[in-house]
Structures are given as structure tokens and as C-alpha cells.
């Protein structure tokens, strides 16, 4: 078992050395020619003009975070699905199914919570319209 960990350690060490040796070699051979345009803020190829303080809708971030949460959670389901046949062969199919069902139920509850809260709506009303 120690050899397995040694193999993983060697892969990490090789990756670490590859990245840092590559960075060091290219730092030595690349040209160094700084000028003001290189040090300017990059905004899609355009020169930045005006103030950086603008009204930005935070809904973009909220939708992206919700997507990431559910995307990562689904990534956890894939390994369970790949070993489910082995769990059935070992006699643990019911336990694996119950764990997967519980996991999916928690995901469904999270989705319902986000939906009821109104965070999946792109345009969200902050207050109720006045009643006549």
C-alpha cells in the first residue's frame, strides 16, 4: 500500500517540477519589454474609460453560484453510478440506492428552496405592486 502512495507522490512531484521548471526556463528566455500599455487594465481589448463603480446586477453571480453548486453535486453522483453494479454484487445495492436517493432528495430540496425563494427568476421584484 505504501507503493501506491509513493506513486501518487511521484506524480505530484513530477507535476510540481514540470510547472515550476517550465516557468523558470521561460522567465530566463522571454524578452523583458515593459511599457504603459502592457501595465494598463485589460477590458476586452478596449482602453478603460470612466469610473469602475457602475451599477451591476448581482443576479449574474447568484445564478452562476447556483449552477456551480448543482453542477458539482451532480459530479458526486457519477462515481456512485459507476460502482453501483459492484455494490449490487456485494449485496449492498439497497444501501447504495438509499444513499443515492437521500443525496438526490437533498438536492431536490435545495432546488425547491431556491425556486420558492425566487432566485431562479432573472427579473425579481423587490416589493409587491400597490393594490388599488
N, C-alpha and C. Protein backbone atom coordinates (compact mmCIF):
# COMPACT_ATOMS: atom_id res chain seq x y z
N UNK A 1 0.83 -1.19 0.00
CA UNK A 1 0.00 0.00 0.00
C UNK A 1 0.87 1.25 0.00
N UNK A 2 2.05 1.16 0.63
CA UNK A 2 2.93 2.32 0.64
C UNK A 2 3.39 2.69 -0.77
N UNK A 3 3.50 1.66 -1.64
CA UNK A 3 3.94 1.92 -3.01
C UNK A 3 2.90 2.72 -3.77
N UNK A 4 1.61 2.53 -3.45
CA UNK A 4 0.57 3.31 -4.12
C UNK A 4 0.70 4.79 -3.77
N UNK A 5 0.92 5.06 -2.49
CA UNK A 5 1.10 6.44 -2.07
C UNK A 5 2.37 7.04 -2.65
N UNK A 6 3.41 6.21 -2.77
CA UNK A 6 4.65 6.68 -3.36
C UNK A 6 4.44 7.04 -4.83
N UNK A 7 3.63 6.27 -5.54
CA UNK A 7 3.34 6.58 -6.95
C UNK A 7 2.59 7.90 -7.06
N UNK A 8 1.61 8.11 -6.19
CA UNK A 8 0.87 9.38 -6.20
C UNK A 8 1.79 10.54 -5.86
N UNK A 9 2.67 10.34 -4.88
CA UNK A 9 3.62 11.38 -4.52
C UNK A 9 4.55 11.70 -5.68
N UNK A 10 4.99 10.69 -6.40
CA UNK A 10 5.87 10.91 -7.54
C UNK A 10 5.16 11.69 -8.65
N UNK A 11 3.88 11.40 -8.88
CA UNK A 11 3.12 12.14 -9.90
C UNK A 11 2.99 13.60 -9.48
N UNK A 12 2.68 13.85 -8.21
CA UNK A 12 2.58 15.23 -7.74
C UNK A 12 3.92 15.95 -7.85
N UNK A 13 4.99 15.26 -7.49
CA UNK A 13 6.32 15.84 -7.58
C UNK A 13 6.69 16.14 -9.03
N UNK A 14 6.39 15.22 -9.93
CA UNK A 14 6.67 15.45 -11.35
C UNK A 14 5.87 16.63 -11.89
N UNK A 15 4.60 16.72 -11.51
CA UNK A 15 3.79 17.85 -11.94
C UNK A 15 4.32 19.17 -11.39
N UNK A 16 4.67 19.18 -10.12
CA UNK A 16 5.23 20.37 -9.49
C UNK A 16 6.51 20.81 -10.19
N UNK A 17 7.41 19.86 -10.42
CA UNK A 17 8.67 20.19 -11.08
C UNK A 17 8.45 20.65 -12.51
N UNK A 18 7.53 20.01 -13.22
CA UNK A 18 7.27 20.41 -14.59
C UNK A 18 6.79 21.85 -14.66
N UNK A 19 5.84 22.21 -13.82
CA UNK A 19 5.28 23.57 -13.84
C UNK A 19 6.35 24.59 -13.48
N UNK A 20 7.05 24.39 -12.38
CA UNK A 20 7.98 25.41 -11.92
C UNK A 20 9.27 25.47 -12.74
N UNK A 21 9.71 24.34 -13.26
CA UNK A 21 10.87 24.38 -14.15
C UNK A 21 10.52 25.07 -15.46
N UNK A 22 9.33 24.82 -15.97
CA UNK A 22 8.90 25.49 -17.20
C UNK A 22 8.81 26.99 -16.98
N UNK A 23 8.23 27.41 -15.85
CA UNK A 23 8.14 28.84 -15.56
C UNK A 23 9.53 29.46 -15.42
N UNK A 24 10.43 28.77 -14.76
CA UNK A 24 11.78 29.31 -14.56
C UNK A 24 12.53 29.42 -15.88
N UNK A 25 12.44 28.41 -16.72
CA UNK A 25 13.15 28.45 -18.01
C UNK A 25 12.61 29.57 -18.89
N UNK A 26 11.31 29.68 -18.96
CA UNK A 26 10.75 30.72 -19.82
C UNK A 26 10.93 32.12 -19.25
N UNK A 27 11.10 32.25 -17.93
CA UNK A 27 11.42 33.57 -17.37
C UNK A 27 12.81 34.01 -17.84
N UNK A 28 13.71 33.05 -17.99
CA UNK A 28 15.07 33.37 -18.44
C UNK A 28 15.13 33.72 -19.93
N UNK A 29 14.30 33.10 -20.76
CA UNK A 29 14.43 33.30 -22.20
C UNK A 29 13.43 34.29 -22.80
N UNK A 30 12.43 34.71 -22.04
CA UNK A 30 11.46 35.65 -22.62
C UNK A 30 12.01 37.07 -22.61
N UNK A 31 11.56 37.90 -23.55
CA UNK A 31 12.02 39.31 -23.55
C UNK A 31 11.33 40.09 -22.44
N UNK A 32 12.05 41.05 -21.91
CA UNK A 32 11.50 41.92 -20.87
C UNK A 32 11.41 43.33 -21.46
N UNK A 33 10.19 43.72 -21.85
CA UNK A 33 9.98 45.00 -22.51
C UNK A 33 8.71 45.66 -21.98
N UNK A 34 8.74 46.17 -20.72
CA UNK A 34 7.52 46.78 -20.19
C UNK A 34 7.28 48.17 -20.80
N UNK A 35 6.03 48.48 -21.05
CA UNK A 35 5.64 49.81 -21.46
C UNK A 35 4.23 50.06 -20.93
N UNK A 36 3.76 51.30 -20.90
CA UNK A 36 2.50 51.62 -20.20
C UNK A 36 1.28 50.82 -20.67
N UNK A 37 1.19 50.52 -21.96
CA UNK A 37 0.02 49.77 -22.43
C UNK A 37 -0.01 48.35 -21.85
N UNK A 38 1.15 47.77 -21.60
CA UNK A 38 1.18 46.44 -21.01
C UNK A 38 0.70 46.46 -19.57
N UNK A 39 0.94 47.56 -18.88
CA UNK A 39 0.57 47.64 -17.47
C UNK A 39 -0.84 48.19 -17.26
N UNK A 40 -1.54 48.52 -18.34
CA UNK A 40 -2.90 49.05 -18.21
C UNK A 40 -3.88 47.91 -17.94
N UNK A 41 -5.03 48.27 -17.39
CA UNK A 41 -6.07 47.29 -17.14
C UNK A 41 -6.64 46.81 -18.46
N UNK A 42 -6.83 45.50 -18.57
CA UNK A 42 -7.34 44.92 -19.81
C UNK A 42 -8.85 44.76 -19.72
N UNK A 43 -9.56 45.37 -20.66
CA UNK A 43 -11.01 45.25 -20.71
C UNK A 43 -11.44 44.88 -22.12
N UNK A 44 -11.35 43.62 -22.44
CA UNK A 44 -11.82 43.09 -23.73
C UNK A 44 -11.18 43.81 -24.91
N UNK A 45 -9.94 44.20 -24.79
CA UNK A 45 -9.23 44.82 -25.90
C UNK A 45 -9.47 46.31 -26.04
N UNK A 46 -10.30 46.87 -25.20
CA UNK A 46 -10.60 48.31 -25.27
C UNK A 46 -9.87 49.03 -24.15
N UNK A 47 -9.54 50.30 -24.40
CA UNK A 47 -8.95 51.10 -23.34
C UNK A 47 -10.02 51.42 -22.29
N UNK A 48 -9.70 51.25 -21.03
CA UNK A 48 -10.69 51.53 -19.99
C UNK A 48 -10.96 53.03 -19.89
N UNK A 49 -12.22 53.40 -19.90
CA UNK A 49 -12.60 54.81 -19.75
C UNK A 49 -13.66 54.91 -18.68
N UNK A 50 -13.71 56.00 -18.01
CA UNK A 50 -14.74 56.24 -17.00
C UNK A 50 -14.42 55.57 -15.68
N UNK A 51 -15.41 55.61 -14.80
CA UNK A 51 -15.27 55.05 -13.46
C UNK A 51 -15.50 53.54 -13.47
N UNK A 52 -14.90 52.89 -12.52
CA UNK A 52 -15.11 51.45 -12.38
C UNK A 52 -16.34 51.15 -11.53
N UNK A 53 -16.85 52.16 -10.86
CA UNK A 53 -18.01 51.96 -10.00
C UNK A 53 -19.28 52.13 -10.83
N UNK A 54 -19.83 51.01 -11.26
CA UNK A 54 -21.05 51.04 -12.05
C UNK A 54 -22.11 50.18 -11.38
N UNK A 55 -23.34 50.38 -11.78
CA UNK A 55 -24.42 49.53 -11.28
C UNK A 55 -24.32 48.18 -11.98
N UNK A 56 -24.12 47.13 -11.21
CA UNK A 56 -24.00 45.79 -11.77
C UNK A 56 -24.98 44.89 -11.05
N UNK A 57 -25.74 44.15 -11.80
CA UNK A 57 -26.74 43.28 -11.21
C UNK A 57 -26.08 42.04 -10.59
N UNK A 58 -26.18 41.85 -9.29
CA UNK A 58 -25.55 40.69 -8.66
C UNK A 58 -26.25 39.38 -8.99
N UNK A 59 -27.35 39.43 -9.73
CA UNK A 59 -28.06 38.21 -10.12
C UNK A 59 -27.16 37.30 -10.96
N UNK A 60 -26.25 37.91 -11.74
CA UNK A 60 -25.33 37.10 -12.54
C UNK A 60 -24.54 36.15 -11.63
N UNK A 61 -24.02 36.69 -10.54
CA UNK A 61 -23.23 35.88 -9.62
C UNK A 61 -24.10 34.83 -8.93
N UNK A 62 -25.31 35.21 -8.54
CA UNK A 62 -26.19 34.29 -7.84
C UNK A 62 -26.56 33.11 -8.73
N UNK A 63 -26.92 33.38 -9.97
CA UNK A 63 -27.26 32.30 -10.90
C UNK A 63 -26.04 31.42 -11.15
N UNK A 64 -24.88 32.03 -11.31
CA UNK A 64 -23.66 31.25 -11.54
C UNK A 64 -23.33 30.37 -10.34
N UNK A 65 -23.49 30.90 -9.12
CA UNK A 65 -23.21 30.10 -7.93
C UNK A 65 -24.20 28.95 -7.78
N UNK A 66 -25.46 29.20 -8.07
CA UNK A 66 -26.45 28.12 -8.00
C UNK A 66 -26.10 27.04 -9.02
N UNK A 67 -25.72 27.45 -10.22
CA UNK A 67 -25.32 26.47 -11.23
C UNK A 67 -24.12 25.66 -10.76
N UNK A 68 -23.12 26.33 -10.20
CA UNK A 68 -21.91 25.62 -9.74
C UNK A 68 -22.23 24.62 -8.63
N UNK A 69 -23.09 25.01 -7.71
CA UNK A 69 -23.44 24.11 -6.61
C UNK A 69 -24.08 22.84 -7.16
N UNK A 70 -25.06 23.00 -8.04
CA UNK A 70 -25.73 21.81 -8.56
C UNK A 70 -24.84 21.04 -9.52
N UNK A 71 -23.99 21.70 -10.24
CA UNK A 71 -23.08 21.02 -11.15
C UNK A 71 -22.08 20.17 -10.38
N UNK A 72 -21.53 20.70 -9.31
CA UNK A 72 -20.57 19.94 -8.50
C UNK A 72 -21.27 18.78 -7.79
N UNK A 73 -22.49 19.01 -7.34
CA UNK A 73 -23.22 17.94 -6.67
C UNK A 73 -23.50 16.79 -7.63
N UNK A 74 -23.83 17.10 -8.85
CA UNK A 74 -24.06 16.04 -9.84
C UNK A 74 -22.75 15.32 -10.15
N UNK A 75 -21.65 16.01 -10.07
CA UNK A 75 -20.35 15.36 -10.28
C UNK A 75 -20.09 14.31 -9.19
N UNK A 76 -20.68 14.47 -8.02
CA UNK A 76 -20.53 13.47 -6.96
C UNK A 76 -21.39 12.25 -7.22
N UNK A 77 -22.44 12.39 -8.02
CA UNK A 77 -23.32 11.27 -8.31
C UNK A 77 -22.64 10.29 -9.27
N UNK A 78 -21.82 10.78 -10.17
CA UNK A 78 -21.22 9.92 -11.18
C UNK A 78 -20.40 8.77 -10.61
N UNK A 79 -19.53 8.99 -9.61
CA UNK A 79 -18.79 7.84 -9.06
C UNK A 79 -19.70 6.79 -8.43
N UNK A 80 -20.80 7.22 -7.82
CA UNK A 80 -21.73 6.26 -7.23
C UNK A 80 -22.36 5.42 -8.33
N UNK A 81 -22.71 6.06 -9.44
CA UNK A 81 -23.33 5.33 -10.54
C UNK A 81 -22.35 4.33 -11.16
N UNK A 82 -21.08 4.63 -11.15
CA UNK A 82 -20.11 3.72 -11.76
C UNK A 82 -19.84 2.49 -10.90
N UNK A 83 -19.98 2.60 -9.60
CA UNK A 83 -19.73 1.45 -8.73
C UNK A 83 -21.02 0.81 -8.23
N UNK A 84 -22.16 1.21 -8.75
CA UNK A 84 -23.44 0.68 -8.28
C UNK A 84 -23.56 -0.81 -8.59
N UNK A 85 -23.07 -1.23 -9.76
CA UNK A 85 -23.14 -2.66 -10.13
C UNK A 85 -22.32 -3.50 -9.15
N UNK A 86 -21.16 -2.99 -8.75
CA UNK A 86 -20.33 -3.71 -7.79
C UNK A 86 -21.01 -3.76 -6.42
N UNK A 87 -21.70 -2.68 -6.05
CA UNK A 87 -22.41 -2.68 -4.77
C UNK A 87 -23.53 -3.71 -4.78
N UNK A 88 -24.20 -3.88 -5.90
CA UNK A 88 -25.25 -4.90 -6.00
C UNK A 88 -24.63 -6.29 -5.89
N UNK A 89 -23.48 -6.49 -6.55
CA UNK A 89 -22.82 -7.79 -6.49
C UNK A 89 -22.35 -8.12 -5.07
N UNK A 90 -21.97 -7.10 -4.30
CA UNK A 90 -21.53 -7.31 -2.91
C UNK A 90 -22.70 -7.44 -1.93
N UNK A 91 -23.90 -7.23 -2.42
CA UNK A 91 -25.07 -7.32 -1.55
C UNK A 91 -25.41 -6.00 -0.87
N UNK A 92 -24.80 -4.92 -1.29
CA UNK A 92 -25.07 -3.60 -0.70
C UNK A 92 -25.84 -2.69 -1.65
N UNK A 93 -26.57 -3.26 -2.57
CA UNK A 93 -27.30 -2.45 -3.55
C UNK A 93 -28.36 -1.58 -2.91
N UNK A 94 -29.06 -2.12 -1.91
CA UNK A 94 -30.10 -1.35 -1.24
C UNK A 94 -29.53 -0.15 -0.49
N UNK A 95 -28.40 -0.36 0.16
CA UNK A 95 -27.76 0.74 0.90
C UNK A 95 -27.28 1.82 -0.07
N UNK A 96 -26.65 1.39 -1.17
CA UNK A 96 -26.17 2.37 -2.16
C UNK A 96 -27.34 3.13 -2.76
N UNK A 97 -28.44 2.43 -3.05
CA UNK A 97 -29.61 3.10 -3.61
C UNK A 97 -30.20 4.09 -2.61
N UNK A 98 -30.27 3.69 -1.33
CA UNK A 98 -30.82 4.59 -0.31
C UNK A 98 -29.94 5.83 -0.15
N UNK A 99 -28.62 5.64 -0.18
CA UNK A 99 -27.72 6.80 -0.07
C UNK A 99 -27.88 7.73 -1.26
N UNK A 100 -27.97 7.15 -2.46
CA UNK A 100 -28.15 7.97 -3.66
C UNK A 100 -29.50 8.67 -3.63
N UNK A 101 -30.54 7.97 -3.18
CA UNK A 101 -31.87 8.58 -3.10
C UNK A 101 -31.87 9.73 -2.09
N UNK A 102 -31.21 9.54 -0.95
CA UNK A 102 -31.14 10.61 0.05
C UNK A 102 -30.37 11.81 -0.48
N UNK A 103 -29.28 11.54 -1.18
CA UNK A 103 -28.48 12.62 -1.77
C UNK A 103 -29.31 13.41 -2.78
N UNK A 104 -30.03 12.70 -3.65
CA UNK A 104 -30.85 13.38 -4.65
C UNK A 104 -32.02 14.12 -3.99
N UNK A 105 -32.54 13.58 -2.88
CA UNK A 105 -33.62 14.27 -2.17
C UNK A 105 -33.13 15.59 -1.59
N UNK A 106 -31.91 15.58 -1.05
CA UNK A 106 -31.35 16.83 -0.52
C UNK A 106 -31.15 17.84 -1.65
N UNK A 107 -30.68 17.37 -2.80
CA UNK A 107 -30.54 18.26 -3.96
C UNK A 107 -31.89 18.82 -4.39
N UNK A 108 -32.90 17.96 -4.42
CA UNK A 108 -34.24 18.41 -4.82
C UNK A 108 -34.78 19.43 -3.82
N UNK A 109 -34.55 19.21 -2.54
CA UNK A 109 -34.99 20.20 -1.54
C UNK A 109 -34.27 21.53 -1.72
N UNK A 110 -32.98 21.48 -2.04
CA UNK A 110 -32.24 22.71 -2.30
C UNK A 110 -32.78 23.44 -3.52
N UNK A 111 -33.10 22.68 -4.57
CA UNK A 111 -33.67 23.30 -5.76
C UNK A 111 -35.03 23.91 -5.48
N UNK A 112 -35.87 23.21 -4.72
CA UNK A 112 -37.18 23.75 -4.36
C UNK A 112 -37.02 25.02 -3.53
N UNK A 113 -36.09 25.01 -2.59
CA UNK A 113 -35.85 26.20 -1.76
C UNK A 113 -35.45 27.41 -2.61
N UNK A 114 -34.52 27.18 -3.54
CA UNK A 114 -34.07 28.27 -4.40
C UNK A 114 -35.20 28.75 -5.30
N UNK A 115 -36.01 27.82 -5.78
CA UNK A 115 -37.13 28.17 -6.66
C UNK A 115 -38.19 28.97 -5.91
N UNK A 116 -38.57 28.50 -4.70
CA UNK A 116 -39.59 29.21 -3.90
C UNK A 116 -39.09 30.58 -3.49
N UNK A 117 -37.82 30.68 -3.18
CA UNK A 117 -37.24 31.96 -2.78
C UNK A 117 -37.24 32.96 -3.94
N UNK A 118 -37.32 32.45 -5.17
CA UNK A 118 -37.37 33.32 -6.34
C UNK A 118 -36.01 33.64 -6.92
N UNK A 119 -34.99 32.88 -6.53
CA UNK A 119 -33.65 33.17 -7.02
C UNK A 119 -33.40 32.65 -8.43
N UNK A 120 -34.31 31.87 -8.98
CA UNK A 120 -34.16 31.41 -10.35
C UNK A 120 -34.81 32.36 -11.35
N UNK A 121 -35.53 33.35 -10.84
CA UNK A 121 -36.12 34.35 -11.73
C UNK A 121 -35.06 35.34 -12.14
N UNK A 122 -34.99 35.63 -13.43
CA UNK A 122 -33.97 36.56 -13.88
C UNK A 122 -34.31 37.99 -13.46
N UNK A 123 -35.57 38.36 -13.55
CA UNK A 123 -36.02 39.68 -13.10
C UNK A 123 -36.87 39.45 -11.85
N UNK A 124 -36.39 39.92 -10.73
CA UNK A 124 -37.03 39.66 -9.45
C UNK A 124 -37.61 40.96 -8.91
N UNK A 125 -38.87 40.91 -8.50
CA UNK A 125 -39.48 42.09 -7.89
C UNK A 125 -39.08 42.17 -6.43
N UNK A 126 -38.71 43.35 -6.02
CA UNK A 126 -38.30 43.53 -4.63
C UNK A 126 -39.47 43.87 -3.73
N UNK A 127 -40.52 44.42 -4.30
CA UNK A 127 -41.69 44.76 -3.50
C UNK A 127 -42.94 44.43 -4.28
N UNK A 128 -44.04 44.27 -3.55
CA UNK A 128 -45.31 43.96 -4.20
C UNK A 128 -45.88 45.24 -4.83
N UNK A 129 -46.54 45.09 -5.97
CA UNK A 129 -47.15 46.30 -6.57
C UNK A 129 -48.30 46.78 -5.68
N UNK A 130 -48.56 48.10 -5.68
CA UNK A 130 -49.63 48.64 -4.83
C UNK A 130 -50.99 48.12 -5.30
N UNK A 131 -51.84 47.82 -4.33
CA UNK A 131 -53.19 47.36 -4.65
C UNK A 131 -54.13 48.55 -4.66
N UNK A 132 -55.07 48.58 -5.63
CA UNK A 132 -55.98 49.74 -5.71
C UNK A 132 -57.06 49.71 -4.65
